[in-house]
Amino acid sequence: MMHRILRFLAALVSSLLLAAVVAPPATALPAWRTTNSSWTNPDARHPLVLDLRYARHSNFDRVVIDIQGRIPGWTARYASTHYYDGSGAQVPIRAGMDLVLFPAYAHRTNGTSCYTGPKLVRPGFPALKAIAFTGDYEGYVSFAFGLDGRNPYRIFRLHDPQRIVLDFRHAS
């Protein structure tokens, strides 16, 4: 009987030690969506949009927007045409998605630009066909994404460094 109790206690201690060593699960990514979305951050005061980069992955195309300061709110919406802020001129890319960050700035308080990412680029990925920087106006920074169709997307925040990630799923 004592032998069984000792084996039980040894197994229990071993299980507890193993549980303490195993890393907690990674935070789950948000679900793919096909509807417009928005998120606000009342703590964002004067975030700067510094850069945008993009990459192709096996099942999705990714856009990463680097932010200095607290991450701004956003509105993501599908659009059949895209327009440049201020001028209202049509952006020469196909239908896709508009992303508006707020409050957000792509220039410093002295007026000089701090955004170093692309103004208009055509990566030609499976889902992401084109990207345009469409505005930096009165606390709003906007981008347009030309897509292969109404591709499902997910958008989320990452920290250290601060960034917004936007994934577009490839068509099946």
C-alpha atoms as a PDB file:
ATOM      1  CA  MET A   1       0.000   0.000   0.000  1.00  0.00           C
ATOM      2  CA  MET A   2       2.777   2.410   0.939  1.00  0.00           C
ATOM      3  CA  HIS A   3       4.516   1.622  -2.354  1.00  0.00           C
ATOM      4  CA  ARG A   4       1.378   2.616  -4.297  1.00  0.00           C
ATOM      5  CA  ILE A   5       1.073   5.893  -2.403  1.00  0.00           C
ATOM      6  CA  LEU A   6       4.715   6.732  -3.079  1.00  0.00           C
ATOM      7  CA  ARG A   7       4.287   5.998  -6.802  1.00  0.00           C
ATOM      8  CA  PHE A   8       1.160   8.177  -6.844  1.00  0.00           C
ATOM      9  CA  LEU A   9       2.977  11.052  -5.110  1.00  0.00           C
ATOM     10  CA  ALA A  10       5.953  10.706  -7.465  1.00  0.00           C
ATOM     11  CA  ALA A  11       3.615  10.842 -10.483  1.00  0.00           C
ATOM     12  CA  LEU A  12       1.815  13.847  -9.016  1.00  0.00           C
ATOM     13  CA  VAL A  13       5.066  15.740  -8.366  1.00  0.00           C
ATOM     14  CA  SER A  14       6.299  14.841 -11.852  1.00  0.00           C
ATOM     15  CA  SER A  15       3.067  16.109 -13.414  1.00  0.00           C
ATOM     16  CA  LEU A  16       3.239  19.362 -11.474  1.00  0.00           C
ATOM     17  CA  LEU A  17       6.864  19.932 -12.481  1.00  0.00           C
ATOM     18  CA  LEU A  18       6.075  19.211 -16.121  1.00  0.00           C
ATOM     19  CA  ALA A  19       3.114  21.610 -16.034  1.00  0.00           C
ATOM     20  CA  ALA A  20       5.353  24.332 -14.605  1.00  0.00           C
ATOM     21  CA  VAL A  21       7.970  23.867 -17.342  1.00  0.00           C
ATOM     22  CA  VAL A  22       5.617  23.719 -20.362  1.00  0.00           C
ATOM     23  CA  ALA A  23       5.077  27.148 -21.884  1.00  0.00           C
ATOM     24  CA  PRO A  24       1.536  28.513 -21.906  1.00  0.00           C
ATOM     25  CA  PRO A  25      -0.269  28.347 -25.272  1.00  0.00           C
ATOM     26  CA  ALA A  26       0.271  31.225 -27.677  1.00  0.00           C
ATOM     27  CA  THR A  27      -2.497  33.786 -27.937  1.00  0.00           C
ATOM     28  CA  ALA A  28      -4.943  32.670 -30.585  1.00  0.00           C
ATOM     29  CA  LEU A  29      -5.224  34.738 -33.746  1.00  0.00           C
ATOM     30  CA  PRO A  30      -8.590  36.350 -34.446  1.00  0.00           C
ATOM     31  CA  ALA A  31     -11.025  34.553 -36.709  1.00  0.00           C
ATOM     32  CA  TRP A  32     -11.100  35.243 -40.440  1.00  0.00           C
ATOM     33  CA  ARG A  33     -13.882  37.650 -41.343  1.00  0.00           C
ATOM     34  CA  THR A  34     -15.641  38.963 -44.435  1.00  0.00           C
ATOM     35  CA  THR A  35     -17.414  41.923 -42.858  1.00  0.00           C
ATOM     36  CA  ASN A  36     -16.215  45.438 -42.163  1.00  0.00           C
ATOM     37  CA  SER A  37     -14.664  45.994 -38.740  1.00  0.00           C
ATOM     38  CA  SER A  38     -13.436  48.718 -36.437  1.00  0.00           C
ATOM     39  CA  TRP A  39     -11.603  49.087 -33.157  1.00  0.00           C
ATOM     40  CA  THR A  40     -10.900  52.190 -31.082  1.00  0.00           C
ATOM     41  CA  ASN A  41      -8.178  53.028 -28.611  1.00  0.00           C
ATOM     42  CA  PRO A  42      -9.016  55.993 -26.377  1.00  0.00           C
ATOM     43  CA  ASP A  43      -5.458  55.898 -24.988  1.00  0.00           C
ATOM     44  CA  ALA A  44      -3.863  56.659 -28.378  1.00  0.00           C
ATOM     45  CA  ARG A  45      -2.846  60.326 -28.345  1.00  0.00           C
ATOM     46  CA  HIS A  46      -0.435  60.989 -31.207  1.00  0.00           C
ATOM     47  CA  PRO A  47       0.741  57.668 -32.686  1.00  0.00           C
ATOM     48  CA  LEU A  48       3.056  57.862 -35.680  1.00  0.00           C
ATOM     49  CA  VAL A  49       2.747  55.501 -38.645  1.00  0.00           C
ATOM     50  CA  LEU A  50       6.360  54.726 -39.531  1.00  0.00           C
ATOM     51  CA  ASP A  51       6.449  51.949 -42.107  1.00  0.00           C
ATOM     52  CA  LEU A  52       4.521  49.251 -43.921  1.00  0.00           C
ATOM     53  CA  ARG A  53       5.890  45.930 -45.096  1.00  0.00           C
ATOM     54  CA  TYR A  54       4.279  42.920 -46.684  1.00  0.00           C
ATOM     55  CA  ALA A  55       4.969  39.245 -47.316  1.00  0.00           C
ATOM     56  CA  ARG A  56       3.447  36.170 -48.876  1.00  0.00           C
ATOM     57  CA  HIS A  57       2.782  33.108 -46.711  1.00  0.00           C
ATOM     58  CA  SER A  58       1.502  29.670 -47.685  1.00  0.00           C
ATOM     59  CA  ASN A  59      -2.213  30.424 -47.068  1.00  0.00           C
ATOM     60  CA  PHE A  60      -2.355  34.179 -46.661  1.00  0.00           C
ATOM     61  CA  ASP A  61      -0.643  37.466 -47.511  1.00  0.00           C
ATOM     62  CA  ARG A  62       0.441  39.676 -44.605  1.00  0.00           C
ATOM     63  CA  VAL A  63       0.758  43.444 -44.177  1.00  0.00           C
ATOM     64  CA  VAL A  64       2.517  44.845 -41.103  1.00  0.00           C
ATOM     65  CA  ILE A  65       2.248  48.529 -40.186  1.00  0.00           C
ATOM     66  CA  ASP A  66       4.842  49.808 -37.712  1.00  0.00           C
ATOM     67  CA  ILE A  67       3.618  52.319 -35.140  1.00  0.00           C
ATOM     68  CA  GLN A  68       5.466  54.594 -32.728  1.00  0.00           C
ATOM     69  CA  GLY A  69       3.415  55.227 -29.609  1.00  0.00           C
ATOM     70  CA  ARG A  70       0.149  53.595 -28.677  1.00  0.00           C
ATOM     71  CA  ILE A  71      -1.596  51.687 -31.426  1.00  0.00           C
ATOM     72  CA  PRO A  72      -4.338  53.787 -33.036  1.00  0.00           C
ATOM     73  CA  GLY A  73      -7.886  52.659 -33.682  1.00  0.00           C
ATOM     74  CA  TRP A  74      -8.907  51.512 -37.129  1.00  0.00           C
ATOM     75  CA  THR A  75     -11.740  50.965 -39.546  1.00  0.00           C
ATOM     76  CA  ALA A  76     -11.384  48.251 -42.187  1.00  0.00           C
ATOM     77  CA  ARG A  77     -13.967  48.121 -44.958  1.00  0.00           C
ATOM     78  CA  TYR A  78     -14.296  46.489 -48.336  1.00  0.00           C
ATOM     79  CA  ALA A  79     -14.453  48.973 -51.209  1.00  0.00           C
ATOM     80  CA  SER A  80     -15.002  48.710 -54.949  1.00  0.00           C
ATOM     81  CA  THR A  81     -12.941  51.865 -55.618  1.00  0.00           C
ATOM     82  CA  HIS A  82     -10.349  53.709 -53.549  1.00  0.00           C
ATOM     83  CA  TYR A  83      -9.671  57.454 -53.320  1.00  0.00           C
ATOM     84  CA  TYR A  84      -6.776  59.599 -52.140  1.00  0.00           C
ATOM     85  CA  ASP A  85      -7.616  61.750 -49.111  1.00  0.00           C
ATOM     86  CA  GLY A  86      -7.744  65.450 -49.776  1.00  0.00           C
ATOM     87  CA  SER A  87      -7.737  65.376 -53.591  1.00  0.00           C
ATOM     88  CA  GLY A  88     -10.445  62.748 -54.005  1.00  0.00           C
ATOM     89  CA  ALA A  89      -8.555  61.327 -56.986  1.00  0.00           C
ATOM     90  CA  GLN A  90      -9.158  57.650 -57.647  1.00  0.00           C
ATOM     91  CA  VAL A  91      -6.351  55.285 -56.630  1.00  0.00           C
ATOM     92  CA  PRO A  92      -5.263  53.162 -59.614  1.00  0.00           C
ATOM     93  CA  ILE A  93      -5.726  49.744 -58.002  1.00  0.00           C
ATOM     94  CA  ARG A  94      -8.485  47.139 -58.105  1.00  0.00           C
ATOM     95  CA  ALA A  95     -11.281  46.712 -55.590  1.00  0.00           C
ATOM     96  CA  GLY A  96     -10.328  45.486 -52.152  1.00  0.00           C
ATOM     97  CA  MET A  97     -10.138  47.046 -48.728  1.00  0.00           C
ATOM     98  CA  ASP A  98      -9.639  50.494 -47.214  1.00  0.00           C
ATOM     99  CA  LEU A  99      -7.927  50.771 -43.841  1.00  0.00           C
ATOM    100  CA  VAL A 100      -8.159  54.018 -41.882  1.00  0.00           C
ATOM    101  CA  LEU A 101      -6.088  54.486 -38.706  1.00  0.00           C
ATOM    102  CA  PHE A 102      -7.193  57.091 -36.119  1.00  0.00           C
ATOM    103  CA  PRO A 103      -5.914  59.063 -34.434  1.00  0.00           C
ATOM    104  CA  ALA A 104      -2.745  58.570 -36.421  1.00  0.00           C
ATOM    105  CA  TYR A 105      -0.145  60.668 -38.165  1.00  0.00           C
ATOM    106  CA  ALA A 106       2.435  59.943 -40.830  1.00  0.00           C
ATOM    107  CA  HIS A 107       4.264  63.208 -40.131  1.00  0.00           C
ATOM    108  CA  ARG A 108       5.996  64.771 -37.161  1.00  0.00           C
ATOM    109  CA  THR A 109       4.748  67.890 -35.404  1.00  0.00           C
ATOM    110  CA  ASN A 110       7.153  69.993 -37.492  1.00  0.00           C
ATOM    111  CA  GLY A 111       5.444  68.726 -40.672  1.00  0.00           C
ATOM    112  CA  THR A 112       8.172  66.385 -41.918  1.00  0.00           C
ATOM    113  CA  SER A 113       7.107  62.935 -43.026  1.00  0.00           C
ATOM    114  CA  CYS A 114       7.973  59.989 -40.792  1.00  0.00           C
ATOM    115  CA  TYR A 115       6.341  57.338 -43.013  1.00  0.00           C
ATOM    116  CA  THR A 116       8.998  55.443 -44.983  1.00  0.00           C
ATOM    117  CA  GLY A 117       6.830  52.683 -46.463  1.00  0.00           C
ATOM    118  CA  PRO A 118       5.618  52.323 -50.028  1.00  0.00           C
ATOM    119  CA  LYS A 119       3.280  54.896 -51.589  1.00  0.00           C
ATOM    120  CA  LEU A 120       2.024  52.543 -54.312  1.00  0.00           C
ATOM    121  CA  VAL A 121       3.269  49.003 -54.835  1.00  0.00           C
ATOM    122  CA  ARG A 122       1.984  45.954 -56.681  1.00  0.00           C
ATOM    123  CA  PRO A 123       3.311  42.781 -55.021  1.00  0.00           C
ATOM    124  CA  GLY A 124       1.037  40.569 -57.148  1.00  0.00           C
ATOM    125  CA  PHE A 125       0.567  37.997 -54.371  1.00  0.00           C
ATOM    126  CA  PRO A 126      -2.297  35.465 -54.514  1.00  0.00           C
ATOM    127  CA  ALA A 127      -4.661  37.644 -52.419  1.00  0.00           C
ATOM    128  CA  LEU A 128      -2.831  40.990 -52.100  1.00  0.00           C
ATOM    129  CA  LYS A 129      -2.433  42.543 -55.541  1.00  0.00           C
ATOM    130  CA  ALA A 130      -1.624  46.179 -54.654  1.00  0.00           C
ATOM    131  CA  ILE A 131      -1.065  48.543 -51.724  1.00  0.00           C
ATOM    132  CA  ALA A 132      -1.465  52.333 -51.730  1.00  0.00           C
ATOM    133  CA  PHE A 133      -0.781  54.905 -49.032  1.00  0.00           C
ATOM    134  CA  THR A 134      -3.849  57.095 -49.580  1.00  0.00           C
ATOM    135  CA  GLY A 135      -3.681  59.777 -46.943  1.00  0.00           C
ATOM    136  CA  ASP A 136      -2.334  61.516 -43.880  1.00  0.00           C
ATOM    137  CA  TYR A 137      -4.943  64.120 -43.075  1.00  0.00           C
ATOM    138  CA  GLU A 138      -6.199  65.647 -39.814  1.00  0.00           C
ATOM    139  CA  GLY A 139      -5.386  62.701 -37.572  1.00  0.00           C
ATOM    140  CA  TYR A 140      -6.276  59.966 -40.062  1.00  0.00           C
ATOM    141  CA  VAL A 141      -3.807  57.793 -41.972  1.00  0.00           C
ATOM    142  CA  SER A 142      -5.271  55.626 -44.688  1.00  0.00           C
ATOM    143  CA  PHE A 143      -4.274  52.779 -46.977  1.00  0.00           C
ATOM    144  CA  ALA A 144      -5.976  50.926 -49.812  1.00  0.00           C
ATOM    145  CA  PHE A 145      -5.379  47.264 -50.596  1.00  0.00           C
ATOM    146  CA  GLY A 146      -6.203  45.808 -54.001  1.00  0.00           C
ATOM    147  CA  LEU A 147      -7.336  42.227 -53.517  1.00  0.00           C
ATOM    148  CA  ASP A 148      -8.044  39.164 -55.619  1.00  0.00           C
ATOM    149  CA  GLY A 149     -11.697  39.348 -54.517  1.00  0.00           C
ATOM    150  CA  ARG A 150     -13.516  39.724 -51.226  1.00  0.00           C
ATOM    151  CA  ASN A 151     -10.801  37.773 -49.468  1.00  0.00           C
ATOM    152  CA  PRO A 152     -11.374  36.934 -45.803  1.00  0.00           C
ATOM    153  CA  TYR A 153      -9.084  38.918 -43.525  1.00  0.00           C
ATOM    154  CA  ARG A 154      -7.992  39.196 -39.922  1.00  0.00           C
ATOM    155  CA  ILE A 155      -6.537  42.235 -38.229  1.00  0.00           C
ATOM    156  CA  PHE A 156      -4.777  42.372 -34.890  1.00  0.00           C
ATOM    157  CA  ARG A 157      -2.239  44.238 -32.749  1.00  0.00           C
ATOM    158  CA  LEU A 158       1.225  43.156 -31.696  1.00  0.00           C
ATOM    159  CA  HIS A 159       3.471  44.880 -29.165  1.00  0.00           C
ATOM    160  CA  ASP A 160       7.180  45.444 -28.549  1.00  0.00           C
ATOM    161  CA  PRO A 161       7.503  46.866 -31.152  1.00  0.00           C
ATOM    162  CA  GLN A 162       4.037  48.288 -31.734  1.00  0.00           C
ATOM    163  CA  ARG A 163       2.408  47.159 -34.979  1.00  0.00           C
ATOM    164  CA  ILE A 164      -0.863  46.386 -36.699  1.00  0.00           C
ATOM    165  CA  VAL A 165      -1.054  43.152 -38.684  1.00  0.00           C
ATOM    166  CA  LEU A 166      -3.510  42.561 -41.499  1.00  0.00           C
ATOM    167  CA  ASP A 167      -3.715  39.131 -43.137  1.00  0.00           C
ATOM    168  CA  PHE A 168      -5.627  38.370 -46.352  1.00  0.00           C
ATOM    169  CA  ARG A 169      -6.446  34.692 -46.894  1.00  0.00           C
ATOM    170  CA  HIS A 170      -5.762  33.162 -50.295  1.00  0.00           C
ATOM    171  CA  ALA A 171      -8.777  31.991 -52.284  1.00  0.00           C
ATOM    172  CA  SER A 172      -9.406  28.273 -51.937  1.00  0.00           C
END
